[in-house]
N, C-alpha and C. Protein backbone atom coordinates (compact mmCIF):
# COMPACT_ATOMS: atom_id res chain seq x y z
N MET A 1 42.14 7.19 5.78
CA MET A 1 42.07 7.08 6.85
C MET A 1 40.39 6.86 6.69
N SER A 2 39.78 5.42 7.33
CA SER A 2 38.22 5.39 7.01
C SER A 2 37.20 6.19 8.30
N LEU A 3 36.37 6.05 7.58
CA LEU A 3 35.42 7.22 8.68
C LEU A 3 35.37 6.52 10.14
N PRO A 4 35.53 5.67 10.38
CA PRO A 4 35.27 4.91 11.58
C PRO A 4 36.88 5.53 12.52
N GLU A 5 37.80 4.79 11.92
CA GLU A 5 39.48 5.49 12.44
C GLU A 5 39.07 6.87 12.59
N HIS A 6 38.68 7.82 11.86
CA HIS A 6 38.80 9.49 11.81
C HIS A 6 37.69 9.43 13.45
N HIS A 7 36.44 8.60 13.47
CA HIS A 7 35.61 8.70 14.68
C HIS A 7 36.53 8.60 16.14
N ARG A 8 37.37 7.30 15.92
CA ARG A 8 37.89 6.99 16.82
C ARG A 8 38.71 7.79 17.59
N LEU A 9 39.92 8.26 16.39
CA LEU A 9 40.74 9.54 16.88
C LEU A 9 40.22 10.50 17.38
N SER A 10 38.73 10.99 16.86
CA SER A 10 38.63 12.34 17.22
C SER A 10 37.80 12.03 19.06
N ASP A 11 37.11 11.46 18.79
CA ASP A 11 37.03 10.92 20.67
C ASP A 11 38.13 10.54 21.24
N ALA A 12 39.12 10.18 20.89
CA ALA A 12 40.29 9.29 21.92
C ALA A 12 41.03 11.32 21.78
N VAL A 13 40.92 12.34 20.99
CA VAL A 13 41.20 13.49 21.05
C VAL A 13 40.58 14.16 22.50
N LEU A 14 39.39 13.82 22.45
CA LEU A 14 38.61 14.65 23.05
C LEU A 14 38.29 14.24 24.40
N ARG A 15 38.96 13.05 24.59
CA ARG A 15 38.86 12.39 25.73
C ARG A 15 40.44 12.73 26.58
N ASP A 16 41.38 13.25 25.77
CA ASP A 16 42.85 13.31 25.94
C ASP A 16 43.08 12.16 26.41
N GLN A 17 42.62 10.99 25.54
CA GLN A 17 43.61 9.63 25.53
C GLN A 17 44.17 9.52 24.43
N LEU A 18 44.95 10.14 23.70
CA LEU A 18 45.43 9.70 22.17
C LEU A 18 46.67 8.73 22.65
N THR A 19 46.77 7.75 21.94
CA THR A 19 48.06 6.83 22.49
C THR A 19 49.06 8.04 21.50
N PRO A 20 50.65 7.32 21.88
CA PRO A 20 51.72 7.77 21.18
C PRO A 20 51.50 7.45 19.29
N GLN A 21 50.84 6.31 19.55
CA GLN A 21 50.61 5.91 18.10
C GLN A 21 49.83 6.27 17.12
N ASP A 22 48.76 6.18 18.15
CA ASP A 22 47.60 7.32 17.37
C ASP A 22 47.90 8.84 17.16
N ALA A 23 48.72 9.12 17.72
CA ALA A 23 48.98 10.94 17.43
C ALA A 23 50.18 10.67 16.44
N THR A 24 50.86 9.63 15.95
CA THR A 24 51.90 9.71 14.91
C THR A 24 51.24 9.31 13.93
N ALA A 25 49.92 7.92 13.97
CA ALA A 25 49.17 8.00 12.64
C ALA A 25 48.52 9.31 12.44
N LEU A 26 48.22 10.01 13.09
CA LEU A 26 47.15 11.33 12.98
C LEU A 26 47.94 12.05 12.51
N GLU A 27 48.83 12.48 12.38
CA GLU A 27 49.89 13.70 12.25
C GLU A 27 50.57 13.25 10.80
N ALA A 28 50.66 12.01 10.85
CA ALA A 28 51.11 11.49 8.92
C ALA A 28 49.74 11.72 8.36
N TYR A 29 48.53 11.62 8.91
CA TYR A 29 47.34 11.45 7.87
C TYR A 29 47.50 12.96 7.44
N LEU A 30 47.16 13.92 8.47
CA LEU A 30 47.02 15.29 8.51
C LEU A 30 48.32 16.03 7.29
N SER A 31 49.25 15.32 7.63
CA SER A 31 50.41 16.31 6.95
C SER A 31 50.12 15.90 5.51
N SER A 32 49.32 14.51 5.13
CA SER A 32 49.33 14.29 3.42
C SER A 32 47.90 14.78 3.24
N HIS A 33 47.07 15.18 3.97
CA HIS A 33 45.61 15.85 3.33
C HIS A 33 45.82 17.32 4.33
N PRO A 34 46.00 18.15 3.56
CA PRO A 34 46.07 19.80 4.31
C PRO A 34 44.79 20.30 4.42
N LYS A 35 43.71 19.48 3.87
CA LYS A 35 42.22 20.29 3.51
C LYS A 35 41.66 19.87 5.10
N GLU A 36 42.07 18.37 5.44
CA GLU A 36 41.17 18.00 6.66
C GLU A 36 42.05 18.79 7.88
N GLN A 37 43.43 18.84 7.92
CA GLN A 37 43.99 19.55 9.08
C GLN A 37 43.46 20.62 9.31
N ALA A 38 43.26 21.94 8.58
CA ALA A 38 42.23 22.72 8.65
C ALA A 38 41.00 22.38 9.98
N ALA A 39 40.55 21.66 8.95
CA ALA A 39 39.02 21.27 9.47
C ALA A 39 39.09 20.33 11.09
N TRP A 40 40.42 19.71 11.16
CA TRP A 40 40.38 19.01 12.07
C TRP A 40 41.31 20.03 13.47
N GLU A 41 41.77 20.87 12.73
CA GLU A 41 42.21 22.31 13.86
C GLU A 41 40.92 23.19 14.20
N GLU A 42 39.96 23.03 13.92
CA GLU A 42 38.94 23.85 13.73
C GLU A 42 38.18 22.98 14.59
N GLU A 43 37.99 21.97 14.48
CA GLU A 43 37.28 21.08 15.42
C GLU A 43 38.02 20.87 16.89
N LEU A 44 39.11 20.92 17.20
CA LEU A 44 40.28 21.15 18.14
C LEU A 44 39.61 21.88 18.76
N ALA A 45 39.80 22.90 18.20
CA ALA A 45 39.47 24.66 18.70
C ALA A 45 38.12 24.89 19.44
N LEU A 46 37.27 24.37 18.99
CA LEU A 46 36.06 24.36 18.88
C LEU A 46 35.48 23.66 20.05
N ASN A 47 36.21 21.74 20.51
CA ASN A 47 36.14 21.48 21.53
C ASN A 47 36.78 21.86 22.73
N ARG A 48 37.95 22.86 22.60
CA ARG A 48 38.37 23.34 23.44
C ARG A 48 38.11 24.45 24.67
N LEU A 49 36.51 25.36 23.46
CA LEU A 49 35.95 26.22 23.84
C LEU A 49 34.84 25.72 24.41
N LEU A 50 34.20 24.52 24.20
CA LEU A 50 33.39 23.85 24.68
C LEU A 50 33.55 23.54 26.03
N ARG A 51 34.84 23.04 26.65
CA ARG A 51 35.24 22.55 27.77
C ARG A 51 35.33 23.92 28.92
N GLN A 52 35.83 25.08 27.99
CA GLN A 52 35.63 26.25 29.19
C GLN A 52 34.06 26.82 29.48
N VAL A 53 33.19 26.23 28.72
CA VAL A 53 32.09 26.89 29.23
C VAL A 53 31.61 25.96 30.05
N PRO A 54 30.65 26.77 31.61
CA PRO A 54 30.47 26.33 32.78
C PRO A 54 29.19 25.37 32.43
N ALA A 55 29.27 24.08 33.31
CA ALA A 55 28.09 23.13 32.71
C ALA A 55 26.64 24.09 33.20
N ALA A 56 25.50 23.73 32.60
CA ALA A 56 24.37 24.56 33.20
C ALA A 56 24.02 23.90 34.12
N PRO A 57 23.30 24.79 35.41
CA PRO A 57 22.78 23.50 36.18
C PRO A 57 21.36 23.00 36.08
N VAL A 58 21.16 21.76 36.21
CA VAL A 58 20.13 21.05 36.16
C VAL A 58 19.38 21.24 37.36
N SER A 59 17.82 21.33 37.13
CA SER A 59 17.25 21.10 38.60
C SER A 59 17.11 19.62 39.16
N SER A 60 16.89 19.63 40.40
CA SER A 60 16.48 18.58 40.92
C SER A 60 15.15 17.54 40.18
N ASN A 61 14.08 18.47 40.40
CA ASN A 61 12.91 17.62 39.30
C ASN A 61 13.20 18.01 37.83
N PHE A 62 13.84 17.88 37.27
CA PHE A 62 14.33 17.95 35.74
C PHE A 62 13.79 16.66 35.04
N THR A 63 13.58 15.70 35.54
CA THR A 63 13.32 14.65 34.91
C THR A 63 11.61 14.37 35.02
N VAL A 64 11.21 14.74 36.33
CA VAL A 64 9.63 14.77 36.16
C VAL A 64 9.30 16.07 35.23
N ARG A 65 9.39 17.05 35.19
CA ARG A 65 9.23 17.92 34.32
C ARG A 65 9.22 17.59 32.95
N VAL A 66 10.49 17.10 32.52
CA VAL A 66 10.39 16.95 30.82
C VAL A 66 9.10 15.56 30.71
N LEU A 67 8.99 14.53 31.52
CA LEU A 67 8.04 13.56 31.54
C LEU A 67 6.65 14.39 31.75
N GLN A 68 6.17 15.35 32.23
CA GLN A 68 5.21 16.46 32.49
C GLN A 68 5.02 16.85 31.02
N ALA A 69 5.90 17.79 30.46
CA ALA A 69 5.69 18.26 29.24
C ALA A 69 5.86 17.18 28.03
N VAL A 70 6.22 16.33 28.16
CA VAL A 70 5.74 14.73 27.17
C VAL A 70 4.35 14.62 27.31
N ARG A 71 3.35 14.08 28.11
CA ARG A 71 2.48 13.99 28.40
C ARG A 71 1.56 15.46 27.90
N GLN A 72 2.13 16.09 28.58
CA GLN A 72 0.92 17.60 27.89
C GLN A 72 0.91 17.83 26.37
N LEU A 73 2.17 17.09 26.11
CA LEU A 73 1.84 17.34 24.04
C LEU A 73 1.06 16.26 23.89
N ALA A 74 1.74 15.05 24.64
CA ALA A 74 0.69 13.91 24.01
C ALA A 74 -1.15 13.99 24.01
N HIS A 75 -1.28 14.58 25.05
CA HIS A 75 -2.75 15.09 24.93
C HIS A 75 -3.30 16.46 24.22
N SER A 76 -2.17 17.12 23.95
CA SER A 76 -2.98 18.17 23.26
C SER A 76 -2.62 18.08 21.56
N GLY A 77 -2.02 16.58 21.56
CA GLY A 77 -2.30 16.39 20.00
C GLY A 77 -0.75 16.81 19.32
N GLY A 78 0.29 17.80 19.91
CA GLY A 78 0.98 18.51 19.49
C GLY A 78 1.99 17.41 18.80
N ALA A 79 2.80 16.34 19.72
CA ALA A 79 3.75 15.77 19.15
C ALA A 79 3.06 14.52 18.44
N VAL A 80 2.15 13.35 19.25
CA VAL A 80 2.16 12.19 19.05
C VAL A 80 0.42 12.52 17.86
N TYR A 81 0.45 12.13 16.83
CA TYR A 81 -0.51 11.57 16.08
C TYR A 81 -1.44 10.49 16.11
N ARG A 82 -2.69 10.86 16.13
CA ARG A 82 -3.52 10.17 16.56
C ARG A 82 -4.64 10.28 15.62
N PRO A 83 -4.99 9.32 14.85
CA PRO A 83 -6.33 9.77 14.24
C PRO A 83 -7.47 9.55 14.95
N ARG A 84 -8.67 10.76 15.00
CA ARG A 84 -10.06 10.61 15.36
C ARG A 84 -10.79 9.84 14.23
N TRP A 85 -11.25 8.84 14.83
CA TRP A 85 -11.83 7.79 14.75
C TRP A 85 -13.27 8.25 14.25
N GLY A 86 -13.82 9.05 15.26
CA GLY A 86 -15.14 9.98 14.85
C GLY A 86 -15.29 10.86 13.40
N SER A 87 -13.68 11.48 13.65
CA SER A 87 -13.89 12.57 12.35
C SER A 87 -13.74 12.45 11.25
N LEU A 88 -13.25 10.83 11.01
CA LEU A 88 -13.09 9.76 9.81
C LEU A 88 -13.79 9.59 8.93
N VAL A 89 -14.86 8.73 10.46
CA VAL A 89 -16.21 8.02 9.86
C VAL A 89 -17.02 9.44 9.53
N ARG A 90 -17.51 10.47 9.90
CA ARG A 90 -17.80 11.41 9.63
C ARG A 90 -17.79 12.12 8.35
N ARG A 91 -16.49 12.06 8.11
CA ARG A 91 -16.21 12.60 6.57
C ARG A 91 -16.31 11.72 5.33
N TRP A 92 -16.25 10.39 6.04
CA TRP A 92 -16.47 8.91 4.98
C TRP A 92 -17.98 8.82 4.48
N ILE A 93 -18.78 9.06 5.57
CA ILE A 93 -19.91 8.77 5.63
C ILE A 93 -21.22 9.19 4.13
N PRO A 94 -21.00 10.38 3.81
CA PRO A 94 -21.53 10.90 2.76
C PRO A 94 -20.95 10.06 1.42
N GLN A 95 -19.48 9.76 1.50
CA GLN A 95 -19.23 8.62 0.17
C GLN A 95 -19.77 7.80 0.34
N LEU A 96 -19.49 7.29 1.39
CA LEU A 96 -20.01 5.57 1.28
C LEU A 96 -21.70 5.44 1.52
N THR A 97 -22.44 6.59 1.73
CA THR A 97 -23.66 6.26 1.92
C THR A 97 -23.93 6.42 -0.02
N ALA A 98 -23.35 7.22 -0.50
CA ALA A 98 -23.86 7.49 -2.03
C ALA A 98 -23.21 6.03 -3.03
N LEU A 99 -22.09 5.56 -1.94
CA LEU A 99 -21.25 4.33 -3.19
C LEU A 99 -22.44 3.04 -2.59
N SER A 100 -22.99 3.04 -1.45
CA SER A 100 -24.02 2.06 -1.10
C SER A 100 -24.95 1.92 -2.36
N ALA A 101 -25.52 3.76 -1.99
CA ALA A 101 -26.76 3.75 -2.93
C ALA A 101 -26.24 3.15 -4.42
N ALA A 102 -25.55 3.51 -4.75
CA ALA A 102 -25.10 3.37 -6.50
C ALA A 102 -25.11 2.15 -6.56
N LEU A 103 -24.52 1.18 -5.51
CA LEU A 103 -24.19 -0.70 -5.83
C LEU A 103 -25.69 -0.70 -5.33
N LEU A 104 -26.28 -0.57 -4.38
CA LEU A 104 -27.46 -1.10 -4.76
C LEU A 104 -29.02 -0.78 -6.12
N ILE A 105 -28.97 0.54 -6.11
CA ILE A 105 -29.98 0.76 -7.88
C ILE A 105 -29.14 -0.25 -8.68
N GLY A 106 -27.63 -0.48 -8.60
CA GLY A 106 -26.93 -1.11 -10.29
C GLY A 106 -27.60 -2.66 -9.93
N ALA A 107 -27.56 -2.96 -8.44
CA ALA A 107 -28.18 -4.65 -8.53
C ALA A 107 -29.57 -4.61 -8.99
N PHE A 108 -30.15 -3.91 -8.33
CA PHE A 108 -31.75 -3.89 -8.29
C PHE A 108 -31.98 -4.14 -9.94
N SER A 109 -31.32 -2.75 -10.82
CA SER A 109 -31.71 -2.87 -11.79
C SER A 109 -31.35 -3.89 -12.89
N TYR A 110 -30.01 -4.83 -12.24
CA TYR A 110 -29.81 -6.05 -13.04
C TYR A 110 -30.58 -7.17 -12.53
N HIS A 111 -31.04 -6.81 -11.91
CA HIS A 111 -32.23 -8.28 -11.02
C HIS A 111 -33.30 -7.99 -12.11
N GLN A 112 -33.89 -6.79 -12.22
CA GLN A 112 -34.81 -6.45 -12.79
C GLN A 112 -34.88 -6.94 -14.16
N HIS A 113 -33.47 -6.52 -14.99
CA HIS A 113 -33.18 -6.64 -16.42
C HIS A 113 -33.10 -8.30 -16.34
N GLN A 114 -32.94 -9.11 -15.34
CA GLN A 114 -32.91 -10.64 -15.38
C GLN A 114 -34.81 -11.28 -15.85
N VAL A 115 -35.32 -10.27 -14.43
CA VAL A 115 -36.73 -11.03 -14.53
C VAL A 115 -37.08 -10.81 -15.93
N ALA A 116 -37.49 -9.43 -16.67
CA ALA A 116 -37.52 -8.89 -17.43
C ALA A 116 -37.44 -10.03 -18.75
N GLY A 117 -36.12 -10.42 -18.75
CA GLY A 117 -35.76 -11.55 -20.08
C GLY A 117 -36.57 -12.87 -19.68
N ARG A 118 -36.41 -13.18 -18.54
CA ARG A 118 -37.07 -14.68 -18.01
C ARG A 118 -38.65 -14.43 -18.49
N ARG A 119 -39.64 -12.98 -18.14
CA ARG A 119 -40.84 -13.11 -18.66
C ARG A 119 -41.03 -12.97 -20.18
N GLU A 120 -40.36 -12.35 -20.57
CA GLU A 120 -40.06 -12.53 -22.28
C GLU A 120 -40.04 -13.82 -22.74
N VAL A 121 -39.24 -14.91 -22.10
CA VAL A 121 -38.75 -16.31 -22.78
C VAL A 121 -39.95 -16.86 -22.46
N ALA A 122 -40.47 -16.78 -20.96
CA ALA A 122 -41.79 -17.57 -20.95
C ALA A 122 -43.24 -17.13 -21.72
N ARG A 123 -43.12 -15.92 -22.00
CA ARG A 123 -44.34 -15.78 -23.04
C ARG A 123 -44.13 -16.08 -24.56
N LYS A 124 -42.64 -16.18 -24.98
CA LYS A 124 -42.75 -16.57 -26.37
C LYS A 124 -42.57 -18.15 -26.28
N LEU A 125 -42.58 -18.69 -25.07
CA LEU A 125 -42.97 -20.18 -25.24
C LEU A 125 -44.05 -20.26 -25.44
N ALA A 126 -44.90 -19.72 -24.57
CA ALA A 126 -46.46 -19.66 -24.01
C ALA A 126 -47.30 -19.70 -25.61
N GLU A 127 -46.52 -18.48 -26.51
CA GLU A 127 -47.22 -18.51 -27.90
C GLU A 127 -46.69 -19.50 -28.81
N ILE A 128 -45.61 -19.88 -28.49
CA ILE A 128 -45.21 -21.10 -29.45
C ILE A 128 -46.18 -22.42 -29.10
N SER A 129 -46.50 -22.69 -27.74
CA SER A 129 -47.14 -24.06 -27.48
C SER A 129 -48.67 -23.55 -28.17
N ARG A 130 -48.89 -22.23 -27.98
CA ARG A 130 -50.60 -22.26 -28.25
C ARG A 130 -50.69 -21.80 -30.13
N MET A 131 -49.63 -21.53 -30.54
CA MET A 131 -49.53 -21.64 -31.83
C MET A 131 -49.20 -23.07 -32.83
N SER A 132 -49.22 -23.79 -32.13
CA SER A 132 -48.59 -25.69 -32.34
C SER A 132 -49.86 -26.40 -32.51
N GLY A 133 -50.45 -26.00 -31.93
CA GLY A 133 -51.89 -26.54 -31.56
C GLY A 133 -51.72 -28.01 -30.75
N GLY A 134 -50.63 -28.26 -31.00
CA GLY A 134 -50.82 -29.93 -30.05
C GLY A 134 -50.28 -29.93 -28.57
N THR A 135 -49.89 -31.30 -28.49
CA THR A 135 -49.43 -31.23 -26.91
C THR A 135 -48.15 -30.97 -27.06
N PRO A 136 -47.34 -30.54 -25.99
CA PRO A 136 -46.16 -30.12 -25.71
C PRO A 136 -44.93 -31.77 -26.08
N LEU A 137 -45.69 -32.47 -25.96
CA LEU A 137 -44.94 -33.99 -26.30
C LEU A 137 -44.93 -33.81 -27.70
N ASP A 138 -45.89 -34.01 -28.46
CA ASP A 138 -45.56 -34.03 -29.91
C ASP A 138 -44.37 -32.75 -30.53
N LEU A 139 -44.37 -31.78 -30.11
CA LEU A 139 -43.09 -30.85 -30.05
C LEU A 139 -41.74 -31.66 -29.95
N LEU A 140 -41.85 -32.56 -29.08
CA LEU A 140 -40.64 -33.27 -28.13
C LEU A 140 -40.39 -34.74 -29.28
N GLU A 141 -41.27 -34.71 -30.15
CA GLU A 141 -41.42 -35.89 -30.82
C GLU A 141 -39.75 -36.53 -31.46
N ASN A 142 -39.30 -35.33 -32.29
CA ASN A 142 -38.12 -35.71 -32.65
C ASN A 142 -36.76 -34.97 -32.11
N PHE A 143 -36.54 -34.91 -30.83
CA PHE A 143 -35.80 -34.39 -30.16
C PHE A 143 -34.70 -35.01 -30.07
N GLU A 144 -34.16 -36.36 -30.15
CA GLU A 144 -33.55 -36.89 -30.41
C GLU A 144 -32.83 -36.72 -31.47
N ALA A 145 -33.28 -36.61 -32.24
CA ALA A 145 -32.71 -36.64 -33.87
C ALA A 145 -32.08 -35.29 -33.67
N ILE A 146 -32.72 -34.20 -33.63
CA ILE A 146 -32.35 -33.19 -33.59
C ILE A 146 -31.17 -32.54 -32.52
N GLU A 147 -31.06 -33.31 -31.77
CA GLU A 147 -29.85 -33.37 -30.93
C GLU A 147 -28.74 -34.18 -31.40
N ARG A 148 -28.82 -35.04 -31.94
CA ARG A 148 -27.77 -36.09 -32.76
C ARG A 148 -27.20 -34.96 -33.50
N LEU A 149 -27.70 -34.22 -34.36
CA LEU A 149 -27.33 -33.19 -35.44
C LEU A 149 -26.04 -32.48 -34.90
N ASN A 150 -26.05 -32.32 -33.56
CA ASN A 150 -25.17 -31.30 -32.87
C ASN A 150 -23.92 -32.14 -32.47
N GLN A 151 -24.10 -33.36 -32.84
CA GLN A 151 -22.69 -34.12 -32.11
C GLN A 151 -22.23 -34.65 -33.72
N VAL A 152 -22.31 -34.57 -34.42
CA VAL A 152 -21.85 -34.79 -35.83
C VAL A 152 -20.52 -33.70 -36.18
N PRO A 153 -19.50 -34.61 -36.06
CA PRO A 153 -18.26 -33.82 -36.31
C PRO A 153 -18.22 -32.50 -37.43
N ARG A 154 -17.78 -31.53 -37.73
CA ARG A 154 -17.56 -30.37 -38.98
C ARG A 154 -17.60 -30.88 -40.18
N ASN A 155 -16.10 -31.85 -40.04
CA ASN A 155 -15.11 -31.89 -41.17
C ASN A 155 -16.18 -32.97 -42.53
N VAL A 156 -17.25 -33.37 -41.51
CA VAL A 156 -18.25 -34.76 -42.44
C VAL A 156 -18.66 -33.94 -43.38
N ASP A 157 -18.99 -32.34 -43.01
CA ASP A 157 -20.20 -31.62 -43.82
C ASP A 157 -18.95 -31.07 -44.88
N ARG A 158 -17.50 -30.95 -44.64
CA ARG A 158 -16.85 -30.36 -45.43
C ARG A 158 -16.60 -31.36 -46.58
N GLU A 159 -16.56 -33.13 -46.14
CA GLU A 159 -16.44 -33.84 -46.98
C GLU A 159 -17.57 -34.17 -48.21
N LEU A 160 -19.07 -34.03 -47.56
CA LEU A 160 -20.03 -33.89 -47.82
C LEU A 160 -20.05 -33.00 -49.44
N ILE A 161 -19.78 -31.84 -48.95
CA ILE A 161 -19.67 -30.61 -50.01
C ILE A 161 -19.01 -30.92 -51.02
N ALA A 162 -17.55 -31.60 -50.78
CA ALA A 162 -16.67 -31.89 -51.33
C ALA A 162 -17.00 -32.68 -52.67
N ALA A 163 -17.66 -33.74 -51.78
CA ALA A 163 -17.91 -34.85 -52.58
C ALA A 163 -19.47 -34.63 -53.82
N LEU A 164 -19.77 -33.37 -53.26
CA LEU A 164 -20.99 -33.08 -54.10
C LEU A 164 -21.09 -32.33 -55.20
N GLN A 165 -19.12 -31.77 -55.35
CA GLN A 165 -18.97 -30.49 -56.37
C GLN A 165 -18.52 -31.70 -57.19
């Protein structure tokens, strides 16, 4: 017997709406499964006892009282969790401040490193131009020839070395 079939038969027994076909199917199932029969009989006995218990009287303002209790729980924070943004911000402010300070110090240090490097390059270029004694145009006289040297394929050098050997 499948679980939905078991629930359907159980509901039918509780409501006293068990058809003769369902009763025979239930008896056949319980006779082939003795462990299930004990649990089934226990459930039926429990249901009979529950039917004998008188219904508890419900006050006329039951719904209003339940809704008031739910609202009180929501306001007191008992049932509903609402993060308090103020406490979250206060907890994270010191960490965010430290992180921001570290990032700013790192960015400033990197910028200073770049500026120092540029100053060093400018100082060396000024020294080279002073040492050459000529105008900067004299230094660039053979620039095109030097630039073409970088464009020669590397395998030409290997062929030249092989030919010289």
